[in-house]
PDB file of N, CA and C in Angstrom:
ATOM      1  N   MET A   1      -5.219 -15.244  14.986  1.00  0.00           N
ATOM      2  CA  MET A   1      -5.222 -13.677  15.486  1.00  0.00           C
ATOM      3  C   MET A   1      -6.458 -13.403  15.169  1.00  0.00           C
ATOM      4  N   GLN A   2      -7.481 -12.805  15.741  1.00  0.00           N
ATOM      5  CA  GLN A   2      -8.336 -11.518  16.111  1.00  0.00           C
ATOM      6  C   GLN A   2      -8.430 -10.084  16.285  1.00  0.00           C
ATOM      7  N   PHE A   3      -8.966  -9.341  15.239  1.00  0.00           N
ATOM      8  CA  PHE A   3      -8.226  -7.930  15.808  1.00  0.00           C
ATOM      9  C   PHE A   3      -9.226  -7.238  14.934  1.00  0.00           C
ATOM     10  N   VAL A   4      -9.802  -6.178  15.702  1.00  0.00           N
ATOM     11  CA  VAL A   4     -10.607  -4.927  14.979  1.00  0.00           C
ATOM     12  C   VAL A   4      -9.627  -3.293  14.227  1.00  0.00           C
ATOM     13  N   ILE A   5      -9.880  -3.039  13.524  1.00  0.00           N
ATOM     14  CA  ILE A   5      -9.349  -2.409  12.946  1.00  0.00           C
ATOM     15  C   ILE A   5      -9.807  -0.348  13.263  1.00  0.00           C
ATOM     16  N   LEU A   6      -9.605   0.462  13.703  1.00  0.00           N
ATOM     17  CA  LEU A   6     -10.511   1.607  13.735  1.00  0.00           C
ATOM     18  C   LEU A   6      -9.952   2.795  12.746  1.00  0.00           C
ATOM     19  N   PHE A   7      -9.978   3.274  11.305  1.00  0.00           N
ATOM     20  CA  PHE A   7      -9.810   3.870  10.160  1.00  0.00           C
ATOM     21  C   PHE A   7     -10.487   5.268   9.936  1.00  0.00           C
ATOM     22  N   GLY A   8      -9.888   6.024   9.660  1.00  0.00           N
ATOM     23  CA  GLY A   8     -11.056   7.019   9.206  1.00  0.00           C
ATOM     24  C   GLY A   8     -11.045   8.604  10.194  1.00  0.00           C
ATOM     25  N   SER A   9     -12.179   8.544   9.570  1.00  0.00           N
ATOM     26  CA  SER A   9     -11.724  10.321  10.267  1.00  0.00           C
ATOM     27  C   SER A   9     -11.754   9.998  12.202  1.00  0.00           C
ATOM     28  N   TYR A  10     -12.724   8.735  12.381  1.00  0.00           N
ATOM     29  CA  TYR A  10     -12.238   8.944  13.764  1.00  0.00           C
ATOM     30  C   TYR A  10     -10.785   8.566  14.444  1.00  0.00           C
ATOM     31  N   ALA A  11      -9.963   7.733  13.697  1.00  0.00           N
ATOM     32  CA  ALA A  11      -9.000   7.446  14.102  1.00  0.00           C
ATOM     33  C   ALA A  11      -7.978   8.259  14.164  1.00  0.00           C
ATOM     34  N   ARG A  12      -7.737   9.797  13.033  1.00  0.00           N
ATOM     35  CA  ARG A  12      -7.306  10.724  13.021  1.00  0.00           C
ATOM     36  C   ARG A  12      -7.757  11.364  13.606  1.00  0.00           C
ATOM     37  N   GLY A  13      -9.102  11.877  14.090  1.00  0.00           N
ATOM     38  CA  GLY A  13      -9.644  12.461  15.009  1.00  0.00           C
ATOM     39  C   GLY A  13      -9.897  13.532  14.557  1.00  0.00           C
ATOM     40  N   ASP A  14     -10.499  14.131  13.420  1.00  0.00           N
ATOM     41  CA  ASP A  14     -11.287  14.932  12.391  1.00  0.00           C
ATOM     42  C   ASP A  14     -12.630  14.365  12.076  1.00  0.00           C
ATOM     43  N   TRP A  15     -12.952  14.167  12.977  1.00  0.00           N
ATOM     44  CA  TRP A  15     -14.694  13.497  12.611  1.00  0.00           C
ATOM     45  C   TRP A  15     -15.349  14.541  12.504  1.00  0.00           C
ATOM     46  N   LYS A  16     -16.787  14.545  12.052  1.00  0.00           N
ATOM     47  CA  LYS A  16     -17.571  15.567  12.360  1.00  0.00           C
ATOM     48  C   LYS A  16     -19.106  15.301  13.180  1.00  0.00           C
ATOM     49  N   GLU A  17     -19.263  15.965  14.190  1.00  0.00           N
ATOM     50  CA  GLU A  17     -20.388  15.501  14.515  1.00  0.00           C
ATOM     51  C   GLU A  17     -21.796  16.058  13.778  1.00  0.00           C
ATOM     52  N   ALA A  18     -23.174  16.216  13.758  1.00  0.00           N
ATOM     53  CA  ALA A  18     -24.446  16.432  12.937  1.00  0.00           C
ATOM     54  C   ALA A  18     -24.294  17.582  13.338  1.00  0.00           C
ATOM     55  N   ALA A  19     -24.152  18.294  14.374  1.00  0.00           N
ATOM     56  CA  ALA A  19     -24.757  19.305  15.210  1.00  0.00           C
ATOM     57  C   ALA A  19     -23.823  20.000  14.832  1.00  0.00           C
ATOM     58  N   ALA A  20     -22.486  19.899  14.486  1.00  0.00           N
ATOM     59  CA  ALA A  20     -21.384  20.549  14.246  1.00  0.00           C
ATOM     60  C   ALA A  20     -21.157  21.138  12.959  1.00  0.00           C
ATOM     61  N   LEU A  21     -22.068  20.555  11.886  1.00  0.00           N
ATOM     62  CA  LEU A  21     -22.821  20.994  10.604  1.00  0.00           C
ATOM     63  C   LEU A  21     -23.577  22.136  10.396  1.00  0.00           C
ATOM     64  N   LYS A  22     -23.206  22.794   9.104  1.00  0.00           N
ATOM     65  CA  LYS A  22     -24.069  24.636   9.332  1.00  0.00           C
ATOM     66  C   LYS A  22     -25.317  23.378   8.486  1.00  0.00           C
ATOM     67  N   PRO A  23     -26.619  24.169   8.723  1.00  0.00           N
ATOM     68  CA  PRO A  23     -28.131  22.987   8.743  1.00  0.00           C
ATOM     69  C   PRO A  23     -27.787  23.838   6.720  1.00  0.00           C
ATOM     70  N   ASP A  24     -27.796  24.922   6.329  1.00  0.00           N
ATOM     71  CA  ASP A  24     -27.786  24.888   5.126  1.00  0.00           C
ATOM     72  C   ASP A  24     -27.182  24.618   4.356  1.00  0.00           C
ATOM     73  N   ARG A  25     -26.202  23.450   4.529  1.00  0.00           N
ATOM     74  CA  ARG A  25     -24.453  23.455   3.831  1.00  0.00           C
ATOM     75  C   ARG A  25     -24.894  22.488   2.780  1.00  0.00           C
ATOM     76  N   CYS A  26     -24.108  22.270   1.845  1.00  0.00           N
ATOM     77  CA  CYS A  26     -24.976  21.537  -0.134  1.00  0.00           C
ATOM     78  C   CYS A  26     -23.725  20.744  -0.159  1.00  0.00           C
ATOM     79  N   LEU A  27     -22.648  20.675   0.329  1.00  0.00           N
ATOM     80  CA  LEU A  27     -22.158  19.077   0.855  1.00  0.00           C
ATOM     81  C   LEU A  27     -21.823  19.058   2.242  1.00  0.00           C
ATOM     82  N   GLY A  28     -21.130  17.910   2.261  1.00  0.00           N
ATOM     83  CA  GLY A  28     -20.491  17.155   3.486  1.00  0.00           C
ATOM     84  C   GLY A  28     -21.724  16.683   4.519  1.00  0.00           C
ATOM     85  N   HIS A  29     -21.436  15.592   5.448  1.00  0.00           N
ATOM     86  CA  HIS A  29     -22.361  15.080   6.098  1.00  0.00           C
ATOM     87  C   HIS A  29     -21.230  14.627   7.370  1.00  0.00           C
ATOM     88  N   ALA A  30     -22.381  13.889   8.517  1.00  0.00           N
ATOM     89  CA  ALA A  30     -21.839  13.492  10.070  1.00  0.00           C
ATOM     90  C   ALA A  30     -20.772  12.001   9.887  1.00  0.00           C
ATOM     91  N   SER A  31     -19.915  12.463  10.821  1.00  0.00           N
ATOM     92  CA  SER A  31     -18.845  11.031  10.060  1.00  0.00           C
ATOM     93  C   SER A  31     -19.484   9.858  10.415  1.00  0.00           C
ATOM     94  N   ASP A  32     -18.744   8.898   9.896  1.00  0.00           N
ATOM     95  CA  ASP A  32     -19.285   7.436  10.087  1.00  0.00           C
ATOM     96  C   ASP A  32     -18.020   6.456  11.206  1.00  0.00           C
ATOM     97  N   TYR A  33     -18.103   5.446  11.367  1.00  0.00           N
ATOM     98  CA  TYR A  33     -17.424   4.733  11.611  1.00  0.00           C
ATOM     99  C   TYR A  33     -16.973   3.468  10.696  1.00  0.00           C
ATOM    100  N   ASP A  34     -15.521   3.803  10.436  1.00  0.00           N
ATOM    101  CA  ASP A  34     -15.299   3.266   9.303  1.00  0.00           C
ATOM    102  C   ASP A  34     -13.872   1.641  10.412  1.00  0.00           C
ATOM    103  N   ILE A  35     -14.900   0.914  10.336  1.00  0.00           N
ATOM    104  CA  ILE A  35     -13.427  -0.599  11.081  1.00  0.00           C
ATOM    105  C   ILE A  35     -13.283  -1.966   9.953  1.00  0.00           C
ATOM    106  N   LEU A  36     -12.637  -2.482  10.292  1.00  0.00           N
ATOM    107  CA  LEU A  36     -12.446  -3.515   9.562  1.00  0.00           C
ATOM    108  C   LEU A  36     -12.802  -4.578  11.085  1.00  0.00           C
ATOM    109  N   ALA A  37     -12.504  -5.589  10.880  1.00  0.00           N
ATOM    110  CA  ALA A  37     -12.574  -7.048  12.204  1.00  0.00           C
ATOM    111  C   ALA A  37     -11.733  -7.932  10.972  1.00  0.00           C
ATOM    112  N   VAL A  38     -10.460  -8.859  11.467  1.00  0.00           N
ATOM    113  CA  VAL A  38     -10.018  -9.319  10.975  1.00  0.00           C
ATOM    114  C   VAL A  38     -10.860 -10.635  11.505  1.00  0.00           C
ATOM    115  N   THR A  39     -11.519 -12.354  11.666  1.00  0.00           N
ATOM    116  CA  THR A  39     -11.588 -12.981  12.251  1.00  0.00           C
ATOM    117  C   THR A  39     -10.844 -14.269  12.305  1.00  0.00           C
ATOM    118  N   GLU A  40     -10.046 -14.127  11.338  1.00  0.00           N
ATOM    119  CA  GLU A  40      -9.264 -15.594  11.064  1.00  0.00           C
ATOM    120  C   GLU A  40      -8.140 -15.720   9.774  1.00  0.00           C
ATOM    121  N   GLU A  41      -6.993 -16.187  10.722  1.00  0.00           N
ATOM    122  CA  GLU A  41      -5.512 -15.687   9.630  1.00  0.00           C
ATOM    123  C   GLU A  41      -5.959 -16.851   8.752  1.00  0.00           C
ATOM    124  N   PHE A  42      -5.576 -16.355   7.826  1.00  0.00           N
ATOM    125  CA  PHE A  42      -5.374 -17.193   6.021  1.00  0.00           C
ATOM    126  C   PHE A  42      -4.653 -18.174   6.482  1.00  0.00           C
ATOM    127  N   GLU A  43      -4.297 -19.366   5.502  1.00  0.00           N
ATOM    128  CA  GLU A  43      -3.094 -20.353   5.575  1.00  0.00           C
ATOM    129  C   GLU A  43      -3.075 -20.724   4.109  1.00  0.00           C
ATOM    130  N   PRO A  44      -2.562 -20.312   3.094  1.00  0.00           N
ATOM    131  CA  PRO A  44      -1.917 -20.513   1.847  1.00  0.00           C
ATOM    132  C   PRO A  44      -2.290 -22.264   1.844  1.00  0.00           C
TER     133      PRO A  44
END
């Protein structure tokens, strides 16, 4: 079985675009994509 899982802020729907962030902020950054790609099944 092969599949890709999207998780994190994009999966939750609460991501932040760079244009939405205040330019004078001290903390925080635009969201990135968090993915897990599974390519092979594990067979013990």
